[in-house]
Amino acid sequence: MKPRGGVSAPGGDAADPGENRAESVTEFTRRVKALLEGGLRPSWVRGEVSNLRAQASGHVYFSLKDAGAQLSAVLFRGDAARQTVRLRDGLQVIVYGEVSVYEARGQYQLIVRVVVDDGVGRLQREFEALKARLAAEGLFAAERKRPIPEMPRTVGFITSPTGAAVQDFVRILSRRAWRGRVVVLPAKVQGEGAAAEMVEMLQLAQKLGGFDLLVIGRGGGSLEDLWAFNEEALVRAVAASPVPIISAVGHEIDFTLCDFAADLRAETPSAAAEHITSHFVACTERARQADAAMGSLVDSACARATERLDHARSRLRLLTPSAQIEQGFQRVDDLAGRLGAALRHAAQLRRQELTEARRRLALASPETRVQLASHQLLSLWKRLQAASPASVLHRGFVLLRDEHGRPITRRADVRSGQPVAAEFADGTTRLRAE
């Protein structure tokens, strides 16, 4: 019995896993790899380089393409170091290599061993030719450019609504607090029919009206990814638009014909958003500075007015009758204080003068002079007493006198057997010299 829900094999009965074992993905891929690598010999391939990616490891990955197909290719580090051709997107080359399968992705690729420059790529040649022809018509002339409005109120952005470009564009506008309106006009920006859709959106914007500025663009990519912006129909529509257009395609190094036909080229969609808001931001900053200056002026004026008002209130308060009376009381108190101080000062001066007069009178008084003379006389008497012979005798000395009562002052004046008198403090004694 077969299980319910089984899978029927092509041509009849259900496949029996026991009789016909299924291959794993790895086994099947390896079998394909063996068939390709064994069945295809190394060969030369001509194509245009695109999606070039040089890794830090030294390996170089890119695609070879022409009008009908695309082939993944890899140039490993050892082979890349031997090449003399410098690969770049849009370069037409002839490469020699063998086919292989990258099993992790199940993707076949060309292992390149040799690279030969085959001249300028087809797309690059078409770009230069169309650019020269349109420039000769004056499509890129500066006098055709319309001025970009400084303060657009409504901006239309022709781009993919799901791309990163529109997100970056809106994020920049929001970050810079722009007050305008953005309308996304959705269109393909890559692949077949992309140029036609963008032309249709340009026509729709002109039909709707109300747009002050249009932006057309997308994020970066290879020359093939950006080719829609080089198609003649779109370039002519951009040049003929009555509404000013900013072209914001790719990165800073990417140039498309729409950049030359537009009224202004922005390096990126973010740069376009910054340009749109630059005047608004400058005006906002000037308004902020003016607001700050106005606030400062108003504060200063209010402060001055308040000061004048306080001064007027003070003067008015001083001019009221009650204030006048209070000032009169205060003046009386002040004069009374000053009068009292003056009287006290005058009395003090008179007391000082009286004291000085008393001192001079005391110095001129006879009693004082008598006392002074008595003191002087007493002092002289004491000095006289201290120098008198009696005072000397009282200090233990003896005074010798001869028989005539004259003092003997030298030893030579004394003769042997001469009678002398020795005078002591308490009396005289008669003596005879030997």
Protein backbone atom coordinates (compact mmCIF):
# COMPACT_ATOMS: atom_id res chain seq x y z
CA MET A 1 0.00 0.00 0.00
CA LYS A 2 1.29 3.44 -0.93
CA PRO A 3 1.16 6.19 1.69
CA ARG A 4 -1.50 8.85 1.26
CA GLY A 5 -0.29 12.15 -0.05
CA GLY A 6 2.71 10.62 -1.85
CA VAL A 7 4.41 12.35 -4.76
CA SER A 8 3.84 10.82 -8.17
CA ALA A 9 6.83 10.36 -10.45
CA PRO A 10 6.57 11.81 -13.94
CA GLY A 11 4.82 9.43 -16.26
CA GLY A 12 2.86 7.37 -13.75
CA ASP A 13 3.52 5.69 -10.41
CA ALA A 14 4.88 7.36 -7.30
CA ALA A 15 8.64 7.31 -6.86
CA ASP A 16 9.95 4.71 -4.42
CA PRO A 17 12.77 6.08 -2.27
CA GLY A 18 14.07 2.58 -1.79
CA GLU A 19 14.42 1.94 -5.51
CA ASN A 20 15.51 5.43 -6.68
CA ARG A 21 17.59 7.21 -3.96
CA ALA A 22 17.33 11.07 -4.05
CA GLU A 23 20.58 13.09 -4.20
CA SER A 24 21.43 15.73 -1.66
CA VAL A 25 21.92 19.31 -2.82
CA THR A 26 25.66 19.02 -2.25
CA GLU A 27 25.89 15.81 -4.28
CA PHE A 28 23.86 17.23 -7.13
CA THR A 29 25.91 20.44 -7.17
CA ARG A 30 29.16 18.49 -7.21
CA ARG A 31 27.90 16.41 -10.14
CA VAL A 32 27.01 19.60 -12.04
CA LYS A 33 30.42 21.05 -11.17
CA ALA A 34 32.17 17.92 -12.49
CA LEU A 35 30.15 18.05 -15.71
CA LEU A 36 30.85 21.75 -16.30
CA GLU A 37 34.50 21.70 -15.40
CA GLY A 38 35.09 18.48 -17.33
CA GLY A 39 33.01 19.39 -20.36
CA LEU A 40 34.11 23.02 -20.89
CA ARG A 41 37.71 23.77 -21.67
CA PRO A 42 39.33 27.11 -20.72
CA SER A 43 38.47 29.82 -23.26
CA TRP A 44 38.54 33.53 -24.05
CA VAL A 45 35.44 35.62 -23.22
CA ARG A 46 34.72 39.22 -24.22
CA GLY A 47 32.50 41.45 -22.07
CA GLU A 48 32.10 44.62 -20.05
CA VAL A 49 33.21 44.81 -16.39
CA SER A 50 30.51 45.69 -13.86
CA ASN A 51 29.84 45.27 -10.13
CA LEU A 52 33.61 45.31 -9.48
CA ARG A 53 34.54 44.43 -5.87
CA ALA A 54 38.16 44.24 -4.68
CA GLN A 55 38.44 42.46 -1.32
CA ALA A 56 41.02 43.03 1.39
CA SER A 57 42.25 39.49 0.78
CA GLY A 58 43.42 40.54 -2.70
CA HIS A 59 40.76 38.61 -4.60
CA VAL A 60 38.72 40.58 -7.17
CA TYR A 61 35.09 39.76 -7.94
CA PHE A 62 33.18 41.24 -10.90
CA SER A 63 30.66 40.51 -13.62
CA LEU A 64 31.15 40.29 -17.36
CA LYS A 65 28.13 41.38 -19.33
CA ASP A 66 26.95 42.30 -22.77
CA ALA A 67 23.55 43.17 -24.19
CA GLY A 68 22.18 39.65 -23.76
CA ALA A 69 23.72 38.01 -20.66
CA GLN A 70 25.82 38.36 -17.54
CA LEU A 71 28.58 36.10 -16.18
CA SER A 72 30.08 36.08 -12.68
CA ALA A 73 33.87 36.11 -12.61
CA VAL A 74 36.62 35.98 -10.02
CA LEU A 75 40.29 36.91 -10.23
CA PHE A 76 42.19 35.34 -7.34
CA ARG A 77 45.01 37.17 -5.59
CA GLY A 78 47.92 35.46 -7.33
CA ASP A 79 46.45 36.00 -10.80
CA ALA A 80 45.35 39.57 -9.94
CA ALA A 81 48.92 40.53 -8.97
CA ARG A 82 50.22 39.54 -12.43
CA GLN A 83 47.72 41.63 -14.44
CA THR A 84 48.70 44.90 -16.09
CA VAL A 85 45.12 45.98 -16.83
CA ARG A 86 43.46 48.01 -14.06
CA LEU A 87 39.89 46.84 -13.86
CA ARG A 88 37.04 49.33 -13.43
CA ASP A 89 33.32 49.34 -14.01
CA GLY A 90 32.44 49.91 -17.67
CA LEU A 91 35.79 48.65 -18.98
CA GLN A 92 35.53 46.40 -22.07
CA VAL A 93 37.91 43.43 -21.64
CA ILE A 94 38.78 40.00 -23.02
CA VAL A 95 39.52 37.44 -20.32
CA TYR A 96 40.90 33.91 -20.39
CA GLY A 97 39.81 31.35 -17.79
CA GLU A 98 37.98 28.18 -16.93
CA VAL A 99 34.45 27.67 -15.69
CA SER A 100 33.82 26.48 -12.13
CA VAL A 101 30.95 26.14 -9.68
CA TYR A 102 30.88 27.86 -6.28
CA GLU A 103 29.18 25.06 -4.35
CA ALA A 104 28.06 27.17 -1.37
CA ARG A 105 25.72 29.14 -3.65
CA GLY A 106 25.28 26.69 -6.48
CA GLN A 107 26.52 29.43 -8.82
CA TYR A 108 28.77 28.90 -11.78
CA GLN A 109 31.54 31.42 -12.37
CA LEU A 110 34.54 32.05 -14.56
CA ILE A 111 37.95 31.69 -12.90
CA VAL A 112 39.92 34.40 -14.72
CA ARG A 113 43.65 33.89 -15.36
CA VAL A 114 44.41 36.60 -17.93
CA VAL A 115 42.81 40.02 -18.57
CA VAL A 116 43.28 42.00 -21.80
CA ASP A 117 41.92 45.51 -22.34
CA ASP A 118 39.36 45.48 -25.19
CA GLY A 119 38.87 49.27 -25.29
CA VAL A 120 36.09 51.48 -23.88
CA GLY A 121 32.93 49.63 -22.85
CA ARG A 122 29.81 49.76 -24.92
CA LEU A 123 27.77 51.58 -22.30
CA GLN A 124 30.54 54.10 -21.73
CA ARG A 125 30.78 54.73 -25.48
CA GLU A 126 27.04 55.21 -25.69
CA PHE A 127 27.19 57.58 -22.71
CA GLU A 128 29.91 59.75 -24.26
CA ALA A 129 28.24 59.80 -27.69
CA LEU A 130 24.82 60.79 -26.34
CA LYS A 131 26.39 63.36 -24.04
CA ALA A 132 28.24 64.99 -26.94
CA ARG A 133 25.12 65.04 -29.14
CA LEU A 134 22.84 66.53 -26.48
CA ALA A 135 25.49 69.06 -25.49
CA ALA A 136 25.77 70.14 -29.11
CA GLU A 137 22.02 70.80 -29.10
CA GLY A 138 22.53 73.11 -26.11
CA LEU A 139 20.56 70.86 -23.79
CA PHE A 140 23.15 71.28 -21.04
CA ALA A 141 23.74 75.02 -21.55
CA ALA A 142 23.95 77.13 -18.40
CA GLU A 143 21.48 79.70 -19.75
CA ARG A 144 18.78 77.00 -19.82
CA LYS A 145 19.12 76.36 -16.09
CA ARG A 146 16.30 77.56 -13.89
CA PRO A 147 17.12 79.02 -10.44
CA ILE A 148 16.48 76.69 -7.54
CA PRO A 149 13.95 78.24 -5.11
CA GLU A 150 15.53 79.07 -1.78
CA MET A 151 12.44 78.22 0.28
CA PRO A 152 10.38 75.62 -1.60
CA ARG A 153 7.12 74.72 0.13
CA THR A 154 6.32 71.54 -1.81
CA VAL A 155 9.02 69.22 -3.15
CA GLY A 156 8.35 66.20 -5.37
CA PHE A 157 10.86 63.32 -5.19
CA ILE A 158 10.84 60.97 -8.19
CA THR A 159 12.43 57.76 -6.92
CA SER A 160 11.74 54.26 -5.72
CA PRO A 161 9.47 54.48 -2.64
CA THR A 162 11.22 51.48 -1.06
CA GLY A 163 14.82 52.55 -1.68
CA ALA A 164 17.27 53.84 0.91
CA ALA A 165 17.55 57.13 -0.98
CA VAL A 166 14.08 58.35 -0.03
CA GLN A 167 14.64 57.32 3.60
CA ASP A 168 17.92 59.27 3.75
CA PHE A 169 16.25 62.22 2.03
CA VAL A 170 13.35 62.39 4.48
CA ARG A 171 15.63 61.76 7.47
CA ILE A 172 17.80 64.78 6.55
CA LEU A 173 14.72 66.99 6.12
CA SER A 174 13.33 65.88 9.50
CA ARG A 175 16.66 66.31 11.27
CA ARG A 176 16.95 69.88 10.00
CA ALA A 177 13.32 70.58 11.06
CA TRP A 178 12.24 71.61 7.56
CA ARG A 179 8.63 72.91 7.44
CA GLY A 180 7.80 72.11 3.81
CA ARG A 181 5.98 69.14 2.27
CA VAL A 182 7.53 66.20 0.41
CA VAL A 183 5.56 64.19 -2.14
CA VAL A 184 7.16 60.91 -3.27
CA LEU A 185 6.37 60.22 -6.94
CA PRO A 186 7.04 56.45 -7.17
CA ALA A 187 8.91 55.06 -10.15
CA LYS A 188 11.38 52.35 -11.02
CA VAL A 189 14.95 53.63 -10.99
CA GLN A 190 16.69 50.60 -12.47
CA GLY A 191 16.07 48.09 -15.23
CA GLU A 192 13.82 47.98 -18.22
CA GLY A 193 11.06 50.59 -18.27
CA ALA A 194 12.60 52.66 -15.44
CA ALA A 195 13.27 55.70 -17.64
CA ALA A 196 9.72 55.62 -19.03
CA GLU A 197 8.21 55.52 -15.54
CA MET A 198 10.30 58.47 -14.42
CA VAL A 199 9.26 60.45 -17.52
CA GLU A 200 5.65 59.62 -16.67
CA MET A 201 6.13 60.92 -13.11
CA LEU A 202 7.66 64.13 -14.47
CA GLN A 203 4.65 64.65 -16.68
CA LEU A 204 2.30 63.85 -13.79
CA ALA A 205 4.04 66.42 -11.55
CA GLN A 206 3.66 69.07 -14.24
CA LYS A 207 0.01 68.14 -14.70
CA LEU A 208 -0.80 68.21 -10.98
CA GLY A 209 1.02 71.50 -10.40
CA GLY A 210 1.74 72.88 -6.96
CA PHE A 211 5.37 71.73 -6.92
CA ASP A 212 8.01 74.35 -6.28
CA LEU A 213 10.87 71.92 -6.87
CA LEU A 214 11.41 68.39 -8.16
CA VAL A 215 14.18 65.96 -7.18
CA ILE A 216 15.00 62.93 -9.29
CA GLY A 217 17.47 60.36 -8.09
CA ARG A 218 18.45 57.15 -6.34
CA GLY A 219 21.36 55.63 -4.43
CA GLY A 220 24.68 54.57 -5.90
CA GLY A 221 25.37 51.61 -8.17
CA SER A 222 27.23 50.44 -11.22
CA LEU A 223 27.01 52.08 -14.62
CA GLU A 224 24.36 49.53 -15.62
CA ASP A 225 22.33 50.22 -12.46
CA LEU A 226 22.29 53.96 -13.18
CA TRP A 227 21.79 53.64 -16.94
CA ALA A 228 18.11 54.63 -16.84
CA PHE A 229 19.24 58.15 -15.94
CA ASN A 230 21.28 58.26 -19.16
CA GLU A 231 18.40 57.40 -21.53
CA GLU A 232 17.65 60.17 -23.98
CA ALA A 233 13.91 60.37 -23.31
CA LEU A 234 14.41 61.00 -19.61
CA VAL A 235 17.27 63.47 -20.17
CA ARG A 236 15.13 65.52 -22.58
CA ALA A 237 12.17 65.44 -20.17
CA VAL A 238 14.37 66.72 -17.34
CA ALA A 239 15.75 69.53 -19.52
CA ALA A 240 12.26 70.53 -20.70
CA SER A 241 10.61 70.55 -17.26
CA PRO A 242 9.12 73.96 -16.36
CA VAL A 243 9.61 73.08 -12.67
CA PRO A 244 13.22 73.37 -11.42
CA ILE A 245 14.86 69.96 -10.99
CA ILE A 246 17.69 68.72 -8.79
CA SER A 247 19.41 65.55 -10.00
CA ALA A 248 20.65 63.41 -7.10
CA VAL A 249 21.83 60.15 -8.62
CA GLY A 250 24.32 57.78 -7.02
CA HIS A 251 27.37 58.84 -5.03
CA GLU A 252 29.80 61.73 -5.43
CA ILE A 253 31.79 59.96 -8.16
CA ASP A 254 28.71 58.97 -10.20
CA PHE A 255 27.70 61.20 -13.11
CA THR A 256 24.67 60.70 -15.35
CA LEU A 257 23.27 62.73 -18.22
CA CYS A 258 20.38 63.79 -15.98
CA ASP A 259 22.98 65.56 -13.84
CA PHE A 260 23.96 67.72 -16.81
CA ALA A 261 20.35 68.35 -17.92
CA ALA A 262 19.01 69.21 -14.47
CA ASP A 263 19.11 72.71 -13.02
CA LEU A 264 21.38 71.53 -10.20
CA ARG A 265 23.38 68.38 -9.51
CA ALA A 266 23.60 67.04 -5.96
CA GLU A 267 26.23 64.43 -5.15
CA THR A 268 23.73 62.26 -3.26
CA PRO A 269 20.04 62.39 -2.26
CA SER A 270 21.18 63.42 1.22
CA ALA A 271 23.16 66.30 -0.29
CA ALA A 272 20.02 67.35 -2.20
CA ALA A 273 18.06 67.43 1.06
CA GLU A 274 20.77 69.52 2.69
CA HIS A 275 20.76 71.98 -0.23
CA ILE A 276 16.96 72.29 -0.12
CA THR A 277 17.01 73.05 3.58
CA SER A 278 20.18 75.16 3.69
CA HIS A 279 18.41 78.52 3.28
CA PHE A 280 15.66 77.44 5.67
CA VAL A 281 18.23 76.42 8.28
CA ALA A 282 20.11 79.71 7.81
CA CYS A 283 16.87 81.70 8.17
CA THR A 284 15.91 79.64 11.21
CA GLU A 285 19.29 80.36 12.78
CA ARG A 286 18.94 84.08 11.98
CA ALA A 287 15.44 84.03 13.47
CA ARG A 288 16.77 82.28 16.58
CA GLN A 289 19.53 84.87 16.92
CA ALA A 290 17.04 87.69 16.29
CA ASP A 291 14.71 86.18 18.90
CA ALA A 292 17.55 85.99 21.40
CA ALA A 293 18.61 89.57 20.59
CA MET A 294 15.00 90.78 20.81
CA GLY A 295 14.57 89.01 24.14
CA SER A 296 17.74 90.64 25.43
CA LEU A 297 16.58 94.08 24.22
CA VAL A 298 13.14 93.59 25.77
CA ASP A 299 14.70 92.49 29.07
CA SER A 300 17.02 95.52 29.04
CA ALA A 301 14.14 97.88 28.18
CA CYS A 302 11.98 96.37 30.92
CA ALA A 303 14.83 96.68 33.42
CA ARG A 304 15.39 100.33 32.49
CA ALA A 305 11.66 101.06 32.64
CA THR A 306 11.39 99.35 36.03
CA GLU A 307 14.33 101.38 37.30
CA ARG A 308 12.73 104.62 36.08
CA LEU A 309 9.41 103.62 37.62
CA ASP A 310 11.05 102.86 40.97
CA HIS A 311 12.83 106.21 40.82
CA ALA A 312 9.55 108.00 40.02
CA ARG A 313 7.82 106.19 42.87
CA SER A 314 10.59 107.25 45.24
CA ARG A 315 10.34 110.87 44.15
CA LEU A 316 6.55 110.80 44.39
CA ARG A 317 6.79 109.30 47.85
CA LEU A 318 9.15 112.12 48.89
CA LEU A 319 6.76 114.79 47.57
CA THR A 320 3.69 113.62 49.52
CA PRO A 321 2.57 115.77 52.58
CA SER A 322 3.18 112.89 54.96
CA ALA A 323 6.69 112.49 53.57
CA GLN A 324 7.26 116.24 53.90
CA ILE A 325 6.11 116.13 57.56
CA GLU A 326 8.28 113.11 58.22
CA GLN A 327 11.22 114.88 56.64
CA GLY A 328 10.46 117.96 58.83
CA PHE A 329 10.47 115.78 61.96
CA GLN A 330 13.67 114.19 60.84
CA ARG A 331 15.22 117.61 60.17
CA VAL A 332 14.19 118.89 63.62
CA ASP A 333 15.71 115.77 65.21
CA ASP A 334 18.84 116.27 63.19
CA LEU A 335 19.14 119.97 64.15
CA ALA A 336 18.49 119.13 67.80
CA GLY A 337 21.21 116.52 67.71
CA ARG A 338 23.59 118.91 66.02
CA LEU A 339 22.75 121.70 68.56
CA GLY A 340 23.29 119.37 71.51
CA ALA A 341 26.59 118.21 70.08
CA ALA A 342 27.66 121.84 69.51
CA LEU A 343 26.73 122.84 73.08
CA ARG A 344 28.55 119.85 74.51
CA HIS A 345 31.59 120.66 72.45
CA ALA A 346 31.55 124.33 73.54
CA ALA A 347 31.20 123.36 77.21
CA GLN A 348 34.05 120.91 76.87
CA LEU A 349 36.23 123.63 75.36
CA ARG A 350 35.36 125.99 78.23
CA ARG A 351 36.19 123.30 80.79
CA GLN A 352 39.54 122.72 79.12
CA GLU A 353 40.26 126.48 79.12
CA LEU A 354 39.33 126.71 82.84
CA THR A 355 41.59 123.79 83.70
CA GLU A 356 44.48 125.38 81.82
CA ALA A 357 43.91 128.73 83.60
CA ARG A 358 43.87 127.02 86.99
CA ARG A 359 47.10 125.27 86.13
CA ARG A 360 48.78 128.55 85.11
CA LEU A 361 47.40 130.30 88.25
CA ALA A 362 48.75 127.53 90.44
CA LEU A 363 52.16 127.88 88.82
CA ALA A 364 52.09 131.67 89.41
CA SER A 365 50.89 131.45 93.08
CA PRO A 366 53.44 132.69 95.94
CA GLU A 367 52.53 129.64 98.00
CA THR A 368 53.71 127.39 95.26
CA ARG A 369 56.89 129.40 94.85
CA VAL A 370 57.52 129.33 98.65
CA GLN A 371 56.99 125.58 98.72
CA LEU A 372 59.38 125.19 95.83
CA ALA A 373 62.01 127.40 97.50
CA SER A 374 61.56 125.48 100.80
CA HIS A 375 62.13 122.25 98.97
CA GLN A 376 65.25 123.69 97.34
CA LEU A 377 66.53 125.03 100.70
CA LEU A 378 65.94 121.72 102.40
CA SER A 379 67.80 119.94 99.62
CA LEU A 380 70.76 122.33 100.01
CA TRP A 381 70.75 121.91 103.80
CA LYS A 382 70.85 118.14 103.41
CA ARG A 383 73.75 118.39 100.99
CA LEU A 384 75.55 120.79 103.45
CA GLN A 385 74.98 118.45 106.35
CA ALA A 386 76.28 115.54 104.31
CA ALA A 387 79.52 117.49 103.62
CA SER A 388 80.04 118.86 107.22
CA PRO A 389 82.90 117.50 109.48
CA ALA A 390 80.33 116.30 112.01
CA SER A 391 78.77 114.09 109.36
CA VAL A 392 82.25 112.70 108.61
CA LEU A 393 82.92 111.99 112.30
CA HIS A 394 79.58 110.19 112.56
CA ARG A 395 80.73 107.86 109.79
CA GLY A 396 83.68 106.66 112.03
CA PHE A 397 86.38 109.14 111.15
CA VAL A 398 88.59 111.08 113.70
CA LEU A 399 89.76 114.68 113.29
CA LEU A 400 93.25 115.55 114.69
CA ARG A 401 93.92 119.09 115.80
CA ASP A 402 97.20 120.65 117.03
CA GLU A 403 97.53 122.54 120.24
CA HIS A 404 96.19 125.63 118.51
CA GLY A 405 93.09 123.81 117.35
CA ARG A 406 94.11 123.67 113.67
CA PRO A 407 93.35 120.45 111.80
CA ILE A 408 96.37 118.28 111.03
CA THR A 409 96.03 117.04 107.45
CA ARG A 410 99.53 115.49 106.91
CA ARG A 411 101.79 113.15 108.87
CA ALA A 412 104.74 115.42 108.31
CA ASP A 413 103.04 118.14 110.31
CA VAL A 414 103.14 116.04 113.52
CA ARG A 415 106.18 116.25 115.73
CA SER A 416 107.20 113.66 118.24
CA GLY A 417 105.88 114.54 121.68
CA GLN A 418 103.49 117.10 120.21
CA PRO A 419 100.24 117.34 122.08
CA VAL A 420 97.23 116.75 119.79
CA ALA A 421 93.52 116.57 120.25
CA ALA A 422 91.52 113.70 118.69
CA GLU A 423 87.98 114.84 118.00
CA PHE A 424 85.38 112.04 117.83
CA ALA A 425 81.68 112.32 117.11
CA ASP A 426 80.84 112.09 120.79
CA GLY A 427 83.73 114.20 122.19
CA THR A 428 87.48 115.17 122.21
CA THR A 429 90.47 113.30 123.72
CA ARG A 430 93.89 114.80 124.40
CA LEU A 431 96.81 112.77 123.07
CA ARG A 432 100.59 113.13 122.63
CA ALA A 433 102.35 112.12 119.46
CA GLU A 434 105.27 109.72 119.79
